[in-house]
Structure formats: structure tokens, C-alpha cells
């Protein structure tokens, strides 16, 4: 089980580091990478969450929970 969690944890870490590079590339060159327009997709997500109101806010909090690096108590940071 540790093999799978380590593998997928590493894969997610790589993807999280690739996203800012693709955004920077899109801003500097105006081209898309891997057939995806990262900036347009991000703007669409932000627009949809903004139009959702309180439910969008709850969704943002829920997603941010997964990106926080807390094991037991986040208030000690």
C-alpha cells in the first residue's frame, strides 16, 4: 500500500510543479502546451466558482484542504 501512495503522491507533486511552468510558458509565448490552454481553463474555473456564490466558496475551501500540508493540526503553523 505504501508503494501506491508514494507513487501517486509523487505523481501529484510532479503535476503541481508542472502547472506553474505551463502557465508561465503560455503567458510568455501565447502557445498551448499538451493541447490544453491552461490559462483559459483556469479563468473558466474561477468564473464558474465566482458565479456559484456560497457553494463556490465551500468548493474552494474543500479543494484548498487537500493542498494544505497539515498532518494533525493546521493551527500550529
PDB file of N, CA and C in Angstrom:
ATOM      1  N   UNK A   1       0.815  -1.189   0.000  1.00  0.00           N
ATOM      2  CA  UNK A   1       0.000   0.000   0.000  1.00  0.00           C
ATOM      3  C   UNK A   1       0.864   1.260   0.000  1.00  0.00           C
ATOM      4  N   UNK A   2       1.984   1.240   0.722  1.00  0.00           N
ATOM      5  CA  UNK A   2       2.880   2.393   0.744  1.00  0.00           C
ATOM      6  C   UNK A   2       3.470   2.667  -0.625  1.00  0.00           C
ATOM      7  N   UNK A   3       3.650   1.601  -1.417  1.00  0.00           N
ATOM      8  CA  UNK A   3       4.171   1.774  -2.773  1.00  0.00           C
ATOM      9  C   UNK A   3       3.218   2.619  -3.607  1.00  0.00           C
ATOM     10  N   UNK A   4       1.917   2.326  -3.523  1.00  0.00           N
ATOM     11  CA  UNK A   4       0.931   3.055  -4.314  1.00  0.00           C
ATOM     12  C   UNK A   4       0.765   4.491  -3.825  1.00  0.00           C
ATOM     13  N   UNK A   5       0.718   4.690  -2.524  1.00  0.00           N
ATOM     14  CA  UNK A   5       0.570   6.049  -2.016  1.00  0.00           C
ATOM     15  C   UNK A   5       1.802   6.887  -2.338  1.00  0.00           C
ATOM     16  N   UNK A   6       2.977   6.280  -2.264  1.00  0.00           N
ATOM     17  CA  UNK A   6       4.196   7.002  -2.627  1.00  0.00           C
ATOM     18  C   UNK A   6       4.241   7.341  -4.100  1.00  0.00           C
ATOM     19  N   UNK A   7       3.805   6.398  -4.935  1.00  0.00           N
ATOM     20  CA  UNK A   7       3.801   6.619  -6.379  1.00  0.00           C
ATOM     21  C   UNK A   7       2.837   7.739  -6.753  1.00  0.00           C
ATOM     22  N   UNK A   8       1.601   7.649  -6.273  1.00  0.00           N
ATOM     23  CA  UNK A   8       0.610   8.654  -6.637  1.00  0.00           C
ATOM     24  C   UNK A   8       0.905  10.003  -5.974  1.00  0.00           C
ATOM     25  N   UNK A   9       1.486   9.981  -4.788  1.00  0.00           N
ATOM     26  CA  UNK A   9       1.898  11.227  -4.152  1.00  0.00           C
ATOM     27  C   UNK A   9       2.978  11.928  -4.958  1.00  0.00           C
ATOM     28  N   UNK A  10       3.939  11.151  -5.453  1.00  0.00           N
ATOM     29  CA  UNK A  10       4.985  11.713  -6.307  1.00  0.00           C
ATOM     30  C   UNK A  10       4.441  12.215  -7.626  1.00  0.00           C
ATOM     31  N   UNK A  11       3.482  11.497  -8.195  1.00  0.00           N
ATOM     32  CA  UNK A  11       2.870  11.907  -9.450  1.00  0.00           C
ATOM     33  C   UNK A  11       2.111  13.225  -9.297  1.00  0.00           C
ATOM     34  N   UNK A  12       1.381  13.358  -8.207  1.00  0.00           N
ATOM     35  CA  UNK A  12       0.652  14.610  -7.944  1.00  0.00           C
ATOM     36  C   UNK A  12       1.637  15.755  -7.716  1.00  0.00           C
ATOM     37  N   UNK A  13       2.731  15.490  -7.021  1.00  0.00           N
ATOM     38  CA  UNK A  13       3.742  16.518  -6.788  1.00  0.00           C
ATOM     39  C   UNK A  13       4.334  17.003  -8.104  1.00  0.00           C
ATOM     40  N   UNK A  14       4.613  16.091  -9.011  1.00  0.00           N
ATOM     41  CA  UNK A  14       5.149  16.470 -10.320  1.00  0.00           C
ATOM     42  C   UNK A  14       4.141  17.326 -11.081  1.00  0.00           C
ATOM     43  N   UNK A  15       2.877  16.925 -11.053  1.00  0.00           N
ATOM     44  CA  UNK A  15       1.855  17.683 -11.771  1.00  0.00           C
ATOM     45  C   UNK A  15       1.672  19.076 -11.176  1.00  0.00           C
ATOM     46  N   UNK A  16       1.757  19.195  -9.854  1.00  0.00           N
ATOM     47  CA  UNK A  16       1.623  20.502  -9.214  1.00  0.00           C
ATOM     48  C   UNK A  16       2.784  21.413  -9.608  1.00  0.00           C
ATOM     49  N   UNK A  17       3.955  20.838  -9.853  1.00  0.00           N
ATOM     50  CA  UNK A  17       5.088  21.650 -10.269  1.00  0.00           C
ATOM     51  C   UNK A  17       5.053  21.960 -11.762  1.00  0.00           C
ATOM     52  N   UNK A  18       4.399  21.158 -12.553  1.00  0.00           N
ATOM     53  CA  UNK A  18       4.316  21.403 -13.995  1.00  0.00           C
ATOM     54  C   UNK A  18       3.320  22.515 -14.308  1.00  0.00           C
ATOM     55  N   UNK A  19       2.255  22.629 -13.533  1.00  0.00           N
ATOM     56  CA  UNK A  19       1.204  23.610 -13.822  1.00  0.00           C
ATOM     57  C   UNK A  19       1.744  25.041 -13.863  1.00  0.00           C
ATOM     58  N   UNK A  20       2.524  25.517 -12.876  1.00  0.00           N
ATOM     59  CA  UNK A  20       3.045  26.896 -12.991  1.00  0.00           C
ATOM     60  C   UNK A  20       3.962  27.099 -14.197  1.00  0.00           C
ATOM     61  N   UNK A  21       4.712  26.066 -14.564  1.00  0.00           N
ATOM     62  CA  UNK A  21       5.590  26.181 -15.731  1.00  0.00           C
ATOM     63  C   UNK A  21       4.760  26.336 -17.000  1.00  0.00           C
ATOM     64  N   UNK A  22       3.664  25.588 -17.120  1.00  0.00           N
ATOM     65  CA  UNK A  22       2.816  25.709 -18.303  1.00  0.00           C
ATOM     66  C   UNK A  22       2.116  27.067 -18.345  1.00  0.00           C
ATOM     67  N   UNK A  23       1.725  27.590 -17.182  1.00  0.00           N
ATOM     68  CA  UNK A  23       1.115  28.923 -17.142  1.00  0.00           C
ATOM     69  C   UNK A  23       2.124  29.978 -17.576  1.00  0.00           C
ATOM     70  N   UNK A  24       3.334  29.885 -17.074  1.00  0.00           N
ATOM     71  CA  UNK A  24       4.378  30.840 -17.462  1.00  0.00           C
ATOM     72  C   UNK A  24       4.679  30.736 -18.954  1.00  0.00           C
ATOM     73  N   UNK A  25       4.767  29.529 -19.473  1.00  0.00           N
ATOM     74  CA  UNK A  25       5.017  29.328 -20.899  1.00  0.00           C
ATOM     75  C   UNK A  25       3.893  29.944 -21.733  1.00  0.00           C
ATOM     76  N   UNK A  26       2.647  29.741 -21.304  1.00  0.00           N
ATOM     77  CA  UNK A  26       1.513  30.308 -22.020  1.00  0.00           C
ATOM     78  C   UNK A  26       1.520  31.823 -22.003  1.00  0.00           C
ATOM     79  N   UNK A  27       1.922  32.413 -20.882  1.00  0.00           N
ATOM     80  CA  UNK A  27       1.985  33.869 -20.791  1.00  0.00           C
ATOM     81  C   UNK A  27       3.110  34.452 -21.641  1.00  0.00           C
ATOM     82  N   UNK A  28       4.249  33.769 -21.666  1.00  0.00           N
ATOM     83  CA  UNK A  28       5.400  34.299 -22.395  1.00  0.00           C
ATOM     84  C   UNK A  28       5.303  34.085 -23.896  1.00  0.00           C
ATOM     85  N   UNK A  29       4.781  32.946 -24.329  1.00  0.00           N
ATOM     86  CA  UNK A  29       4.777  32.631 -25.757  1.00  0.00           C
ATOM     87  C   UNK A  29       3.398  32.718 -26.391  1.00  0.00           C
ATOM     88  N   UNK A  30       2.339  32.592 -25.616  1.00  0.00           N
ATOM     89  CA  UNK A  30       0.992  32.606 -26.171  1.00  0.00           C
ATOM     90  C   UNK A  30       0.580  31.287 -26.797  1.00  0.00           C
ATOM     91  N   UNK A  31       1.404  30.265 -26.652  1.00  0.00           N
ATOM     92  CA  UNK A  31       1.114  28.952 -27.226  1.00  0.00           C
ATOM     93  C   UNK A  31       0.555  28.026 -26.161  1.00  0.00           C
ATOM     94  N   UNK A  32      -0.129  26.985 -26.607  1.00  0.00           N
ATOM     95  CA  UNK A  32      -0.664  25.995 -25.676  1.00  0.00           C
ATOM     96  C   UNK A  32       0.314  24.834 -25.577  1.00  0.00           C
ATOM     97  N   UNK A  33       0.288  24.168 -24.435  1.00  0.00           N
ATOM     98  CA  UNK A  33       1.156  23.019 -24.186  1.00  0.00           C
ATOM     99  C   UNK A  33       0.272  21.800 -23.965  1.00  0.00           C
ATOM    100  N   UNK A  34       0.655  20.688 -24.537  1.00  0.00           N
ATOM    101  CA  UNK A  34      -0.064  19.426 -24.402  1.00  0.00           C
ATOM    102  C   UNK A  34      -1.502  19.530 -24.914  1.00  0.00           C
ATOM    103  N   UNK A  35      -1.756  20.459 -25.822  1.00  0.00           N
ATOM    104  CA  UNK A  35      -3.093  20.620 -26.385  1.00  0.00           C
ATOM    105  C   UNK A  35      -4.104  21.227 -25.432  1.00  0.00           C
ATOM    106  N   UNK A  36      -3.646  21.843 -24.336  1.00  0.00           N
ATOM    107  CA  UNK A  36      -4.549  22.446 -23.356  1.00  0.00           C
ATOM    108  C   UNK A  36      -4.165  23.903 -23.150  1.00  0.00           C
ATOM    109  N   UNK A  37      -5.166  24.766 -23.122  1.00  0.00           N
ATOM    110  CA  UNK A  37      -4.929  26.169 -22.798  1.00  0.00           C
ATOM    111  C   UNK A  37      -5.145  26.330 -21.295  1.00  0.00           C
ATOM    112  N   UNK A  38      -4.073  26.230 -20.540  1.00  0.00           N
ATOM    113  CA  UNK A  38      -4.133  26.222 -19.079  1.00  0.00           C
ATOM    114  C   UNK A  38      -4.752  27.519 -18.554  1.00  0.00           C
ATOM    115  N   UNK A  39      -4.378  28.647 -19.125  1.00  0.00           N
ATOM    116  CA  UNK A  39      -4.858  29.935 -18.628  1.00  0.00           C
ATOM    117  C   UNK A  39      -6.361  30.065 -18.845  1.00  0.00           C
ATOM    118  N   UNK A  40      -6.858  29.673 -20.021  1.00  0.00           N
ATOM    119  CA  UNK A  40      -8.297  29.748 -20.292  1.00  0.00           C
ATOM    120  C   UNK A  40      -9.072  28.802 -19.379  1.00  0.00           C
ATOM    121  N   UNK A  41      -8.528  27.625 -19.127  1.00  0.00           N
ATOM    122  CA  UNK A  41      -9.192  26.682 -18.221  1.00  0.00           C
ATOM    123  C   UNK A  41      -9.239  27.238 -16.797  1.00  0.00           C
ATOM    124  N   UNK A  42      -8.161  27.857 -16.354  1.00  0.00           N
ATOM    125  CA  UNK A  42      -8.126  28.426 -15.009  1.00  0.00           C
ATOM    126  C   UNK A  42      -9.131  29.572 -14.880  1.00  0.00           C
ATOM    127  N   UNK A  43      -9.182  30.429 -15.905  1.00  0.00           N
ATOM    128  CA  UNK A  43     -10.138  31.541 -15.880  1.00  0.00           C
ATOM    129  C   UNK A  43     -11.571  31.016 -15.858  1.00  0.00           C
ATOM    130  N   UNK A  44     -11.840  29.957 -16.603  1.00  0.00           N
ATOM    131  CA  UNK A  44     -13.179  29.365 -16.617  1.00  0.00           C
ATOM    132  C   UNK A  44     -13.550  28.791 -15.246  1.00  0.00           C
ATOM    133  N   UNK A  45     -12.599  28.137 -14.578  1.00  0.00           N
ATOM    134  CA  UNK A  45     -12.862  27.586 -13.247  1.00  0.00           C
ATOM    135  C   UNK A  45     -13.157  28.707 -12.250  1.00  0.00           C
ATOM    136  N   UNK A  46     -12.357  29.768 -12.286  1.00  0.00           N
ATOM    137  CA  UNK A  46     -12.568  30.890 -11.366  1.00  0.00           C
ATOM    138  C   UNK A  46     -13.917  31.559 -11.633  1.00  0.00           C
ATOM    139  N   UNK A  47     -14.283  31.714 -12.898  1.00  0.00           N
ATOM    140  CA  UNK A  47     -15.573  32.310 -13.249  1.00  0.00           C
ATOM    141  C   UNK A  47     -16.723  31.451 -12.759  1.00  0.00           C
ATOM    142  N   UNK A  48     -16.618  30.142 -12.965  1.00  0.00           N
ATOM    143  CA  UNK A  48     -17.685  29.241 -12.517  1.00  0.00           C
ATOM    144  C   UNK A  48     -17.826  29.241 -11.000  1.00  0.00           C
ATOM    145  N   UNK A  49     -16.700  29.256 -10.291  1.00  0.00           N
ATOM    146  CA  UNK A  49     -16.772  29.290  -8.832  1.00  0.00           C
ATOM    147  C   UNK A  49     -17.310  30.630  -8.345  1.00  0.00           C
ATOM    148  N   UNK A  50     -16.963  31.703  -9.043  1.00  0.00           N
ATOM    149  CA  UNK A  50     -17.477  33.019  -8.666  1.00  0.00           C
ATOM    150  C   UNK A  50     -18.973  33.131  -8.885  1.00  0.00           C
ATOM    151  N   UNK A  51     -19.477  32.508  -9.925  1.00  0.00           N
ATOM    152  CA  UNK A  51     -20.914  32.540 -10.202  1.00  0.00           C
ATOM    153  C   UNK A  51     -21.695  31.616  -9.282  1.00  0.00           C
ATOM    154  N   UNK A  52     -21.010  30.686  -8.630  1.00  0.00           N
ATOM    155  CA  UNK A  52     -21.693  29.717  -7.772  1.00  0.00           C
ATOM    156  C   UNK A  52     -22.018  30.295  -6.396  1.00  0.00           C
ATOM    157  N   UNK A  53     -21.424  31.428  -6.030  1.00  0.00           N
ATOM    158  CA  UNK A  53     -21.719  32.057  -4.745  1.00  0.00           C
ATOM    159  C   UNK A  53     -21.149  31.278  -3.572  1.00  0.00           C
ATOM    160  N   UNK A  54     -21.987  31.020  -2.583  1.00  0.00           N
ATOM    161  CA  UNK A  54     -21.547  30.355  -1.355  1.00  0.00           C
ATOM    162  C   UNK A  54     -21.086  28.928  -1.618  1.00  0.00           C
ATOM    163  N   UNK A  55     -21.751  28.254  -2.544  1.00  0.00           N
ATOM    164  CA  UNK A  55     -21.335  26.886  -2.887  1.00  0.00           C
ATOM    165  C   UNK A  55     -19.941  26.901  -3.504  1.00  0.00           C
ATOM    166  N   UNK A  56     -19.635  27.921  -4.306  1.00  0.00           N
ATOM    167  CA  UNK A  56     -18.297  28.062  -4.860  1.00  0.00           C
ATOM    168  C   UNK A  56     -17.254  28.287  -3.789  1.00  0.00           C
ATOM    169  N   UNK A  57     -17.613  29.070  -2.778  1.00  0.00           N
ATOM    170  CA  UNK A  57     -16.704  29.304  -1.660  1.00  0.00           C
ATOM    171  C   UNK A  57     -16.426  28.012  -0.903  1.00  0.00           C
ATOM    172  N   UNK A  58     -17.457  27.236  -0.671  1.00  0.00           N
ATOM    173  CA  UNK A  58     -17.277  25.944   0.003  1.00  0.00           C
ATOM    174  C   UNK A  58     -16.405  25.020  -0.844  1.00  0.00           C
ATOM    175  N   UNK A  59     -16.588  25.042  -2.156  1.00  0.00           N
ATOM    176  CA  UNK A  59     -15.771  24.203  -3.042  1.00  0.00           C
ATOM    177  C   UNK A  59     -14.310  24.615  -2.987  1.00  0.00           C
ATOM    178  N   UNK A  60     -14.043  25.922  -2.947  1.00  0.00           N
ATOM    179  CA  UNK A  60     -12.660  26.401  -2.859  1.00  0.00           C
ATOM    180  C   UNK A  60     -12.029  25.961  -1.541  1.00  0.00           C
ATOM    181  N   UNK A  61     -12.753  26.078  -0.450  1.00  0.00           N
ATOM    182  CA  UNK A  61     -12.235  25.649   0.853  1.00  0.00           C
ATOM    183  C   UNK A  61     -11.963  24.151   0.842  1.00  0.00           C
ATOM    184  N   UNK A  62     -12.843  23.381   0.244  1.00  0.00           N
ATOM    185  CA  UNK A  62     -12.678  21.934   0.159  1.00  0.00           C
ATOM    186  C   UNK A  62     -11.435  21.573  -0.653  1.00  0.00           C
ATOM    187  N   UNK A  63     -11.206  22.253  -1.773  1.00  0.00           N
ATOM    188  CA  UNK A  63     -10.031  21.973  -2.604  1.00  0.00           C
ATOM    189  C   UNK A  63      -8.760  22.413  -1.892  1.00  0.00           C
ATOM    190  N   UNK A  64      -8.789  23.562  -1.222  1.00  0.00           N
ATOM    191  CA  UNK A  64      -7.606  24.036  -0.505  1.00  0.00           C
ATOM    192  C   UNK A  64      -7.220  23.102   0.642  1.00  0.00           C
ATOM    193  N   UNK A  65      -8.198  22.434   1.220  1.00  0.00           N
ATOM    194  CA  UNK A  65      -7.926  21.480   2.291  1.00  0.00           C
ATOM    195  C   UNK A  65      -6.969  20.392   1.808  1.00  0.00           C
ATOM    196  N   UNK A  66      -7.119  19.965   0.559  1.00  0.00           N
ATOM    197  CA  UNK A  66      -6.270  18.904   0.030  1.00  0.00           C
ATOM    198  C   UNK A  66      -4.861  19.376  -0.275  1.00  0.00           C
ATOM    199  N   UNK A  67      -4.673  20.674  -0.516  1.00  0.00           N
ATOM    200  CA  UNK A  67      -3.357  21.190  -0.837  1.00  0.00           C
ATOM    201  C   UNK A  67      -2.580  21.672   0.373  1.00  0.00           C
ATOM    202  N   UNK A  68      -3.218  21.707   1.531  1.00  0.00           N
ATOM    203  CA  UNK A  68      -2.515  22.126   2.742  1.00  0.00           C
ATOM    204  C   UNK A  68      -1.622  20.998   3.234  1.00  0.00           C
ATOM    205  N   UNK A  69      -0.481  21.363   3.777  1.00  0.00           N
ATOM    206  CA  UNK A  69       0.476  20.371   4.245  1.00  0.00           C
ATOM    207  C   UNK A  69       0.348  20.228   5.762  1.00  0.00           C
ATOM    208  N   UNK A  70      -0.780  19.703   6.203  1.00  0.00           N
ATOM    209  CA  UNK A  70      -1.037  19.521   7.628  1.00  0.00           C
ATOM    210  C   UNK A  70      -1.288  18.040   7.894  1.00  0.00           C
ATOM    211  N   UNK A  71      -0.675  17.530   8.900  1.00  0.00           N
ATOM    212  CA  UNK A  71      -0.899  16.137   9.246  1.00  0.00           C
ATOM    213  C   UNK A  71      -1.946  15.986  10.350  1.00  0.00           C
ATOM    214  N   UNK A  72      -1.841  16.806  11.405  1.00  0.00           N
ATOM    215  CA  UNK A  72      -2.783  16.680  12.506  1.00  0.00           C
ATOM    216  C   UNK A  72      -3.467  17.993  12.845  1.00  0.00           C
ATOM    217  N   UNK A  73      -2.691  19.065  13.042  1.00  0.00           N
ATOM    218  CA  UNK A  73      -3.271  20.324  13.498  1.00  0.00           C
ATOM    219  C   UNK A  73      -2.698  21.473  12.669  1.00  0.00           C
ATOM    220  N   UNK A  74      -3.525  22.071  11.839  1.00  0.00           N
ATOM    221  CA  UNK A  74      -3.071  23.156  10.964  1.00  0.00           C
ATOM    222  C   UNK A  74      -2.957  24.484  11.691  1.00  0.00           C
ATOM    223  N   UNK A  75      -3.516  24.601  12.870  1.00  0.00           N
ATOM    224  CA  UNK A  75      -3.488  25.873  13.581  1.00  0.00           C
ATOM    225  C   UNK A  75      -2.102  26.170  14.173  1.00  0.00           C
ATOM    226  N   UNK A  76      -1.197  25.208  14.213  1.00  0.00           N
ATOM    227  CA  UNK A  76       0.127  25.412  14.785  1.00  0.00           C
ATOM    228  C   UNK A  76       1.104  26.016  13.800  1.00  0.00           C
ATOM    229  N   UNK A  77       0.700  26.222  12.555  1.00  0.00           N
ATOM    230  CA  UNK A  77       1.623  26.779  11.557  1.00  0.00           C
ATOM    231  C   UNK A  77       1.818  28.240  11.733  1.00  0.00           C
TER     232      UNK A  77
END
